[in-house]
């Protein structure tokens, strides 16, 4: 347990920050799942529209450094490739 006032405060802040970051990661996962679901439905136009909204979420979370920018790029690339593969 934290012994100093400073350490106690940092522990409180860490809990709050962890909760916020967890929420942001959950939002990211939900956005990715929405695109995957749209791709599975087979409607290319709908999937592209959901993808555009999800790209915004992915970029915003990467900008906040909750995930690495390369991981964000990888997700966007794979989702984009899956949409382009729909015929």
PDB file of N, CA and C in Angstrom:
ATOM      1  N   UNK A   1       0.848  -1.196   0.000  1.00  0.00           N
ATOM      2  CA  UNK A   1       0.000   0.000   0.000  1.00  0.00           C
ATOM      3  C   UNK A   1       0.880   1.241   0.000  1.00  0.00           C
ATOM      4  N   UNK A   2       0.335   2.300  -0.583  1.00  0.00           N
ATOM      5  CA  UNK A   2       1.078   3.562  -0.668  1.00  0.00           C
ATOM      6  C   UNK A   2       1.271   4.172   0.712  1.00  0.00           C
ATOM      7  N   UNK A   3       2.489   4.654   0.973  1.00  0.00           N
ATOM      8  CA  UNK A   3       2.814   5.203   2.290  1.00  0.00           C
ATOM      9  C   UNK A   3       2.760   6.717   2.362  1.00  0.00           C
ATOM     10  N   UNK A   4       2.947   7.391   1.240  1.00  0.00           N
ATOM     11  CA  UNK A   4       2.968   8.854   1.260  1.00  0.00           C
ATOM     12  C   UNK A   4       1.714   9.401   0.595  1.00  0.00           C
ATOM     13  N   UNK A   5       1.434  10.653   0.859  1.00  0.00           N
ATOM     14  CA  UNK A   5       0.270  11.306   0.257  1.00  0.00           C
ATOM     15  C   UNK A   5       0.392  11.307  -1.263  1.00  0.00           C
ATOM     16  N   UNK A   6       1.609  11.555  -1.744  1.00  0.00           N
ATOM     17  CA  UNK A   6       1.837  11.584  -3.194  1.00  0.00           C
ATOM     18  C   UNK A   6       1.551  10.219  -3.809  1.00  0.00           C
ATOM     19  N   UNK A   7       2.019   9.170  -3.156  1.00  0.00           N
ATOM     20  CA  UNK A   7       1.812   7.812  -3.673  1.00  0.00           C
ATOM     21  C   UNK A   7       0.338   7.423  -3.629  1.00  0.00           C
ATOM     22  N   UNK A   8      -0.370   7.865  -2.572  1.00  0.00           N
ATOM     23  CA  UNK A   8      -1.805   7.579  -2.483  1.00  0.00           C
ATOM     24  C   UNK A   8      -2.560   8.269  -3.618  1.00  0.00           C
ATOM     25  N   UNK A   9      -2.176   9.508  -3.887  1.00  0.00           N
ATOM     26  CA  UNK A   9      -2.826  10.245  -4.972  1.00  0.00           C
ATOM     27  C   UNK A   9      -2.549   9.574  -6.320  1.00  0.00           C
ATOM     28  N   UNK A  10      -1.308   9.177  -6.560  1.00  0.00           N
ATOM     29  CA  UNK A  10      -0.973   8.518  -7.816  1.00  0.00           C
ATOM     30  C   UNK A  10      -1.758   7.209  -7.963  1.00  0.00           C
ATOM     31  N   UNK A  11      -1.966   6.500  -6.861  1.00  0.00           N
ATOM     32  CA  UNK A  11      -2.742   5.259  -6.903  1.00  0.00           C
ATOM     33  C   UNK A  11      -4.192   5.557  -7.289  1.00  0.00           C
ATOM     34  N   UNK A  12      -4.762   6.630  -6.726  1.00  0.00           N
ATOM     35  CA  UNK A  12      -6.133   7.036  -7.084  1.00  0.00           C
ATOM     36  C   UNK A  12      -6.210   7.397  -8.562  1.00  0.00           C
ATOM     37  N   UNK A  13      -5.225   8.154  -9.021  1.00  0.00           N
ATOM     38  CA  UNK A  13      -5.219   8.580 -10.419  1.00  0.00           C
ATOM     39  C   UNK A  13      -5.067   7.385 -11.357  1.00  0.00           C
ATOM     40  N   UNK A  14      -4.261   6.419 -10.950  1.00  0.00           N
ATOM     41  CA  UNK A  14      -4.036   5.240 -11.779  1.00  0.00           C
ATOM     42  C   UNK A  14      -5.329   4.449 -11.965  1.00  0.00           C
ATOM     43  N   UNK A  15      -6.122   4.345 -10.917  1.00  0.00           N
ATOM     44  CA  UNK A  15      -7.397   3.627 -11.003  1.00  0.00           C
ATOM     45  C   UNK A  15      -8.328   4.328 -11.986  1.00  0.00           C
ATOM     46  N   UNK A  16      -8.394   5.649 -11.877  1.00  0.00           N
ATOM     47  CA  UNK A  16      -9.273   6.427 -12.744  1.00  0.00           C
ATOM     48  C   UNK A  16      -8.818   6.340 -14.204  1.00  0.00           C
ATOM     49  N   UNK A  17      -7.527   6.460 -14.438  1.00  0.00           N
ATOM     50  CA  UNK A  17      -6.992   6.397 -15.794  1.00  0.00           C
ATOM     51  C   UNK A  17      -7.193   5.009 -16.399  1.00  0.00           C
ATOM     52  N   UNK A  18      -6.992   3.966 -15.586  1.00  0.00           N
ATOM     53  CA  UNK A  18      -7.179   2.598 -16.070  1.00  0.00           C
ATOM     54  C   UNK A  18      -8.623   2.370 -16.498  1.00  0.00           C
ATOM     55  N   UNK A  19      -9.575   2.893 -15.723  1.00  0.00           N
ATOM     56  CA  UNK A  19     -10.992   2.743 -16.069  1.00  0.00           C
ATOM     57  C   UNK A  19     -11.297   3.448 -17.386  1.00  0.00           C
ATOM     58  N   UNK A  20     -10.730   4.639 -17.566  1.00  0.00           N
ATOM     59  CA  UNK A  20     -10.969   5.393 -18.796  1.00  0.00           C
ATOM     60  C   UNK A  20     -10.366   4.673 -20.000  1.00  0.00           C
ATOM     61  N   UNK A  21      -9.133   4.215 -19.865  1.00  0.00           N
ATOM     62  CA  UNK A  21      -8.470   3.520 -20.968  1.00  0.00           C
ATOM     63  C   UNK A  21      -9.183   2.218 -21.316  1.00  0.00           C
ATOM     64  N   UNK A  22      -9.666   1.506 -20.297  1.00  0.00           N
ATOM     65  CA  UNK A  22     -10.407   0.267 -20.542  1.00  0.00           C
ATOM     66  C   UNK A  22     -11.674   0.550 -21.337  1.00  0.00           C
ATOM     67  N   UNK A  23     -12.344   1.633 -21.003  1.00  0.00           N
ATOM     68  CA  UNK A  23     -13.546   2.037 -21.719  1.00  0.00           C
ATOM     69  C   UNK A  23     -13.233   2.352 -23.172  1.00  0.00           C
ATOM     70  N   UNK A  24     -12.135   3.047 -23.408  1.00  0.00           N
ATOM     71  CA  UNK A  24     -11.728   3.397 -24.767  1.00  0.00           C
ATOM     72  C   UNK A  24     -11.380   2.147 -25.580  1.00  0.00           C
ATOM     73  N   UNK A  25     -10.681   1.191 -24.956  1.00  0.00           N
ATOM     74  CA  UNK A  25     -10.349  -0.059 -25.650  1.00  0.00           C
ATOM     75  C   UNK A  25     -11.615  -0.835 -25.995  1.00  0.00           C
ATOM     76  N   UNK A  26     -12.601  -0.799 -25.116  1.00  0.00           N
ATOM     77  CA  UNK A  26     -13.868  -1.463 -25.369  1.00  0.00           C
ATOM     78  C   UNK A  26     -14.574  -0.831 -26.572  1.00  0.00           C
ATOM     79  N   UNK A  27     -14.531   0.502 -26.655  1.00  0.00           N
ATOM     80  CA  UNK A  27     -15.119   1.214 -27.788  1.00  0.00           C
ATOM     81  C   UNK A  27     -14.442   0.796 -29.089  1.00  0.00           C
ATOM     82  N   UNK A  28     -13.119   0.658 -29.037  1.00  0.00           N
ATOM     83  CA  UNK A  28     -12.354   0.223 -30.208  1.00  0.00           C
ATOM     84  C   UNK A  28     -12.802  -1.167 -30.652  1.00  0.00           C
ATOM     85  N   UNK A  29     -12.877  -2.095 -29.710  1.00  0.00           N
ATOM     86  CA  UNK A  29     -13.260  -3.471 -30.042  1.00  0.00           C
ATOM     87  C   UNK A  29     -14.673  -3.520 -30.630  1.00  0.00           C
ATOM     88  N   UNK A  30     -15.572  -2.712 -30.066  1.00  0.00           N
ATOM     89  CA  UNK A  30     -16.945  -2.677 -30.557  1.00  0.00           C
ATOM     90  C   UNK A  30     -16.992  -2.173 -31.995  1.00  0.00           C
ATOM     91  N   UNK A  31     -16.193  -1.145 -32.295  1.00  0.00           N
ATOM     92  CA  UNK A  31     -16.155  -0.596 -33.652  1.00  0.00           C
ATOM     93  C   UNK A  31     -15.641  -1.634 -34.642  1.00  0.00           C
ATOM     94  N   UNK A  32     -14.608  -2.371 -34.239  1.00  0.00           N
ATOM     95  CA  UNK A  32     -14.046  -3.405 -35.120  1.00  0.00           C
ATOM     96  C   UNK A  32     -15.057  -4.531 -35.343  1.00  0.00           C
ATOM     97  N   UNK A  33     -15.752  -4.922 -34.278  1.00  0.00           N
ATOM     98  CA  UNK A  33     -16.754  -5.981 -34.399  1.00  0.00           C
ATOM     99  C   UNK A  33     -17.900  -5.554 -35.310  1.00  0.00           C
ATOM    100  N   UNK A  34     -18.256  -4.268 -35.273  1.00  0.00           N
ATOM    101  CA  UNK A  34     -19.332  -3.766 -36.132  1.00  0.00           C
ATOM    102  C   UNK A  34     -18.953  -3.899 -37.599  1.00  0.00           C
ATOM    103  N   UNK A  35     -17.702  -3.615 -37.918  1.00  0.00           N
ATOM    104  CA  UNK A  35     -17.239  -3.756 -39.308  1.00  0.00           C
ATOM    105  C   UNK A  35     -17.233  -5.226 -39.703  1.00  0.00           C
ATOM    106  N   UNK A  36     -16.715  -6.088 -38.822  1.00  0.00           N
ATOM    107  CA  UNK A  36     -16.688  -7.533 -39.114  1.00  0.00           C
ATOM    108  C   UNK A  36     -18.099  -8.058 -39.389  1.00  0.00           C
ATOM    109  N   UNK A  37     -19.069  -7.602 -38.585  1.00  0.00           N
ATOM    110  CA  UNK A  37     -20.451  -8.048 -38.748  1.00  0.00           C
ATOM    111  C   UNK A  37     -21.008  -7.569 -40.090  1.00  0.00           C
ATOM    112  N   UNK A  38     -20.693  -6.331 -40.460  1.00  0.00           N
ATOM    113  CA  UNK A  38     -21.145  -5.795 -41.744  1.00  0.00           C
ATOM    114  C   UNK A  38     -20.523  -6.565 -42.903  1.00  0.00           C
ATOM    115  N   UNK A  39     -19.273  -6.963 -42.759  1.00  0.00           N
ATOM    116  CA  UNK A  39     -18.593  -7.739 -43.807  1.00  0.00           C
ATOM    117  C   UNK A  39     -19.253  -9.112 -43.944  1.00  0.00           C
ATOM    118  N   UNK A  40     -19.574  -9.728 -42.819  1.00  0.00           N
ATOM    119  CA  UNK A  40     -20.202 -11.053 -42.845  1.00  0.00           C
ATOM    120  C   UNK A  40     -21.585 -11.011 -43.479  1.00  0.00           C
ATOM    121  N   UNK A  41     -22.277  -9.864 -43.386  1.00  0.00           N
ATOM    122  CA  UNK A  41     -23.602  -9.748 -44.000  1.00  0.00           C
ATOM    123  C   UNK A  41     -23.508  -9.756 -45.521  1.00  0.00           C
ATOM    124  N   UNK A  42     -22.322  -9.388 -46.047  1.00  0.00           N
ATOM    125  CA  UNK A  42     -22.105  -9.460 -47.480  1.00  0.00           C
ATOM    126  C   UNK A  42     -22.432  -8.190 -48.243  1.00  0.00           C
ATOM    127  N   UNK A  43     -22.937  -7.175 -47.573  1.00  0.00           N
ATOM    128  CA  UNK A  43     -23.283  -5.907 -48.236  1.00  0.00           C
ATOM    129  C   UNK A  43     -22.075  -4.981 -48.236  1.00  0.00           C
ATOM    130  N   UNK A  44     -21.459  -4.824 -49.407  1.00  0.00           N
ATOM    131  CA  UNK A  44     -20.217  -4.056 -49.516  1.00  0.00           C
ATOM    132  C   UNK A  44     -20.427  -2.575 -49.184  1.00  0.00           C
ATOM    133  N   UNK A  45     -21.519  -1.995 -49.644  1.00  0.00           N
ATOM    134  CA  UNK A  45     -21.787  -0.566 -49.401  1.00  0.00           C
ATOM    135  C   UNK A  45     -21.984  -0.294 -47.912  1.00  0.00           C
ATOM    136  N   UNK A  46     -22.749  -1.159 -47.272  1.00  0.00           N
ATOM    137  CA  UNK A  46     -22.987  -1.016 -45.836  1.00  0.00           C
ATOM    138  C   UNK A  46     -21.694  -1.197 -45.054  1.00  0.00           C
ATOM    139  N   UNK A  47     -20.899  -2.185 -45.442  1.00  0.00           N
ATOM    140  CA  UNK A  47     -19.627  -2.450 -44.761  1.00  0.00           C
ATOM    141  C   UNK A  47     -18.680  -1.268 -44.915  1.00  0.00           C
ATOM    142  N   UNK A  48     -18.658  -0.657 -46.099  1.00  0.00           N
ATOM    143  CA  UNK A  48     -17.787   0.494 -46.333  1.00  0.00           C
ATOM    144  C   UNK A  48     -18.204   1.682 -45.477  1.00  0.00           C
ATOM    145  N   UNK A  49     -19.505   1.851 -45.318  1.00  0.00           N
ATOM    146  CA  UNK A  49     -20.020   2.960 -44.504  1.00  0.00           C
ATOM    147  C   UNK A  49     -19.664   2.763 -43.030  1.00  0.00           C
ATOM    148  N   UNK A  50     -19.834   1.557 -42.522  1.00  0.00           N
ATOM    149  CA  UNK A  50     -19.493   1.252 -41.129  1.00  0.00           C
ATOM    150  C   UNK A  50     -17.982   1.371 -40.936  1.00  0.00           C
ATOM    151  N   UNK A  51     -17.214   0.970 -41.944  1.00  0.00           N
ATOM    152  CA  UNK A  51     -15.752   1.063 -41.889  1.00  0.00           C
ATOM    153  C   UNK A  51     -15.304   2.506 -41.734  1.00  0.00           C
ATOM    154  N   UNK A  52     -15.924   3.422 -42.485  1.00  0.00           N
ATOM    155  CA  UNK A  52     -15.555   4.838 -42.392  1.00  0.00           C
ATOM    156  C   UNK A  52     -15.752   5.371 -40.971  1.00  0.00           C
ATOM    157  N   UNK A  53     -16.854   5.002 -40.334  1.00  0.00           N
ATOM    158  CA  UNK A  53     -17.108   5.427 -38.961  1.00  0.00           C
ATOM    159  C   UNK A  53     -16.096   4.799 -38.006  1.00  0.00           C
ATOM    160  N   UNK A  54     -15.745   3.556 -38.261  1.00  0.00           N
ATOM    161  CA  UNK A  54     -14.807   2.849 -37.391  1.00  0.00           C
ATOM    162  C   UNK A  54     -13.390   3.380 -37.518  1.00  0.00           C
ATOM    163  N   UNK A  55     -13.007   3.820 -38.700  1.00  0.00           N
ATOM    164  CA  UNK A  55     -11.670   4.390 -38.908  1.00  0.00           C
ATOM    165  C   UNK A  55     -11.486   5.602 -38.013  1.00  0.00           C
ATOM    166  N   UNK A  56     -12.540   6.398 -37.899  1.00  0.00           N
ATOM    167  CA  UNK A  56     -12.487   7.579 -37.033  1.00  0.00           C
ATOM    168  C   UNK A  56     -12.227   7.181 -35.584  1.00  0.00           C
ATOM    169  N   UNK A  57     -12.920   6.152 -35.124  1.00  0.00           N
ATOM    170  CA  UNK A  57     -12.740   5.661 -33.753  1.00  0.00           C
ATOM    171  C   UNK A  57     -11.327   5.115 -33.560  1.00  0.00           C
ATOM    172  N   UNK A  58     -10.868   4.314 -34.504  1.00  0.00           N
ATOM    173  CA  UNK A  58      -9.532   3.709 -34.405  1.00  0.00           C
ATOM    174  C   UNK A  58      -8.455   4.783 -34.357  1.00  0.00           C
ATOM    175  N   UNK A  59      -8.561   5.771 -35.247  1.00  0.00           N
ATOM    176  CA  UNK A  59      -7.564   6.852 -35.278  1.00  0.00           C
ATOM    177  C   UNK A  59      -7.578   7.674 -33.994  1.00  0.00           C
ATOM    178  N   UNK A  60      -8.760   7.958 -33.501  1.00  0.00           N
ATOM    179  CA  UNK A  60      -8.880   8.761 -32.277  1.00  0.00           C
ATOM    180  C   UNK A  60      -8.224   8.046 -31.086  1.00  0.00           C
ATOM    181  N   UNK A  61      -8.420   6.748 -30.987  1.00  0.00           N
ATOM    182  CA  UNK A  61      -7.845   5.989 -29.877  1.00  0.00           C
ATOM    183  C   UNK A  61      -6.338   5.849 -30.042  1.00  0.00           C
ATOM    184  N   UNK A  62      -5.875   5.735 -31.287  1.00  0.00           N
ATOM    185  CA  UNK A  62      -4.427   5.681 -31.528  1.00  0.00           C
ATOM    186  C   UNK A  62      -3.776   7.032 -31.209  1.00  0.00           C
ATOM    187  N   UNK A  63      -4.462   8.130 -31.527  1.00  0.00           N
ATOM    188  CA  UNK A  63      -3.935   9.467 -31.235  1.00  0.00           C
ATOM    189  C   UNK A  63      -3.764   9.680 -29.735  1.00  0.00           C
ATOM    190  N   UNK A  64      -4.634   9.054 -28.957  1.00  0.00           N
ATOM    191  CA  UNK A  64      -4.556   9.162 -27.492  1.00  0.00           C
ATOM    192  C   UNK A  64      -3.535   8.187 -26.907  1.00  0.00           C
ATOM    193  N   UNK A  65      -2.883   7.422 -27.783  1.00  0.00           N
ATOM    194  CA  UNK A  65      -1.864   6.444 -27.400  1.00  0.00           C
ATOM    195  C   UNK A  65      -2.394   5.331 -26.499  1.00  0.00           C
ATOM    196  N   UNK A  66      -3.666   5.001 -26.656  1.00  0.00           N
ATOM    197  CA  UNK A  66      -4.236   3.873 -25.929  1.00  0.00           C
ATOM    198  C   UNK A  66      -3.826   2.589 -26.641  1.00  0.00           C
ATOM    199  N   UNK A  67      -3.729   2.657 -27.968  1.00  0.00           N
ATOM    200  CA  UNK A  67      -3.105   1.581 -28.736  1.00  0.00           C
ATOM    201  C   UNK A  67      -2.017   2.219 -29.605  1.00  0.00           C
ATOM    202  N   UNK A  68      -1.073   1.426 -30.044  1.00  0.00           N
ATOM    203  CA  UNK A  68       0.025   1.921 -30.868  1.00  0.00           C
ATOM    204  C   UNK A  68      -0.486   2.256 -32.269  1.00  0.00           C
ATOM    205  N   UNK A  69       0.114   3.245 -32.891  1.00  0.00           N
ATOM    206  CA  UNK A  69      -0.323   3.669 -34.229  1.00  0.00           C
ATOM    207  C   UNK A  69      -0.183   2.547 -35.258  1.00  0.00           C
ATOM    208  N   UNK A  70       0.812   1.687 -35.095  1.00  0.00           N
ATOM    209  CA  UNK A  70       0.974   0.574 -36.041  1.00  0.00           C
ATOM    210  C   UNK A  70      -0.139  -0.455 -35.880  1.00  0.00           C
ATOM    211  N   UNK A  71      -0.593  -0.646 -34.650  1.00  0.00           N
ATOM    212  CA  UNK A  71      -1.700  -1.568 -34.419  1.00  0.00           C
ATOM    213  C   UNK A  71      -2.975  -1.010 -35.052  1.00  0.00           C
ATOM    214  N   UNK A  72      -3.160   0.290 -34.932  1.00  0.00           N
ATOM    215  CA  UNK A  72      -4.322   0.933 -35.550  1.00  0.00           C
ATOM    216  C   UNK A  72      -4.267   0.761 -37.067  1.00  0.00           C
ATOM    217  N   UNK A  73      -3.094   0.985 -37.633  1.00  0.00           N
ATOM    218  CA  UNK A  73      -2.924   0.847 -39.079  1.00  0.00           C
ATOM    219  C   UNK A  73      -3.186  -0.593 -39.521  1.00  0.00           C
ATOM    220  N   UNK A  74      -2.735  -1.543 -38.725  1.00  0.00           N
ATOM    221  CA  UNK A  74      -2.935  -2.962 -39.054  1.00  0.00           C
ATOM    222  C   UNK A  74      -4.432  -3.305 -39.073  1.00  0.00           C
ATOM    223  N   UNK A  75      -5.160  -2.829 -38.065  1.00  0.00           N
ATOM    224  CA  UNK A  75      -6.609  -3.088 -38.022  1.00  0.00           C
ATOM    225  C   UNK A  75      -7.300  -2.478 -39.244  1.00  0.00           C
ATOM    226  N   UNK A  76      -6.968  -1.232 -39.545  1.00  0.00           N
ATOM    227  CA  UNK A  76      -7.603  -0.557 -40.681  1.00  0.00           C
ATOM    228  C   UNK A  76      -7.276  -1.275 -41.989  1.00  0.00           C
ATOM    229  N   UNK A  77      -6.036  -1.699 -42.147  1.00  0.00           N
ATOM    230  CA  UNK A  77      -5.618  -2.379 -43.358  1.00  0.00           C
ATOM    231  C   UNK A  77      -6.358  -3.701 -43.546  1.00  0.00           C
ATOM    232  N   UNK A  78      -6.445  -4.470 -42.494  1.00  0.00           N
ATOM    233  CA  UNK A  78      -7.104  -5.783 -42.596  1.00  0.00           C
ATOM    234  C   UNK A  78      -8.601  -5.646 -42.846  1.00  0.00           C
ATOM    235  N   UNK A  79      -9.230  -4.673 -42.190  1.00  0.00           N
ATOM    236  CA  UNK A  79     -10.657  -4.457 -42.409  1.00  0.00           C
ATOM    237  C   UNK A  79     -10.910  -3.972 -43.836  1.00  0.00           C
ATOM    238  N   UNK A  80     -10.060  -3.061 -44.294  1.00  0.00           N
ATOM    239  CA  UNK A  80     -10.191  -2.535 -45.659  1.00  0.00           C
ATOM    240  C   UNK A  80     -10.023  -3.653 -46.688  1.00  0.00           C
ATOM    241  N   UNK A  81      -9.030  -4.512 -46.479  1.00  0.00           N
ATOM    242  CA  UNK A  81      -8.799  -5.627 -47.396  1.00  0.00           C
ATOM    243  C   UNK A  81      -9.988  -6.580 -47.407  1.00  0.00           C
ATOM    244  N   UNK A  82     -10.588  -6.807 -46.251  1.00  0.00           N
ATOM    245  CA  UNK A  82     -11.744  -7.707 -46.174  1.00  0.00           C
ATOM    246  C   UNK A  82     -12.937  -7.120 -46.930  1.00  0.00           C
ATOM    247  N   UNK A  83     -13.097  -5.794 -46.851  1.00  0.00           N
ATOM    248  CA  UNK A  83     -14.204  -5.139 -47.570  1.00  0.00           C
ATOM    249  C   UNK A  83     -13.944  -5.210 -49.073  1.00  0.00           C
ATOM    250  N   UNK A  84     -12.706  -4.965 -49.478  1.00  0.00           N
ATOM    251  CA  UNK A  84     -12.378  -5.010 -50.915  1.00  0.00           C
ATOM    252  C   UNK A  84     -12.527  -6.416 -51.473  1.00  0.00           C
ATOM    253  N   UNK A  85     -12.387  -7.427 -50.630  1.00  0.00           N
ATOM    254  CA  UNK A  85     -12.517  -8.817 -51.082  1.00  0.00           C
ATOM    255  C   UNK A  85     -13.969  -9.210 -51.345  1.00  0.00           C
ATOM    256  N   UNK A  86     -14.912  -8.421 -50.832  1.00  0.00           N
ATOM    257  CA  UNK A  86     -16.325  -8.708 -51.097  1.00  0.00           C
ATOM    258  C   UNK A  86     -16.603  -8.453 -52.578  1.00  0.00           C
ATOM    259  N   UNK A  87     -17.328  -9.370 -53.193  1.00  0.00           N
ATOM    260  CA  UNK A  87     -17.594  -9.200 -54.633  1.00  0.00           C
ATOM    261  C   UNK A  87     -19.072  -8.966 -54.913  1.00  0.00           C
TER     262      UNK A  87
END
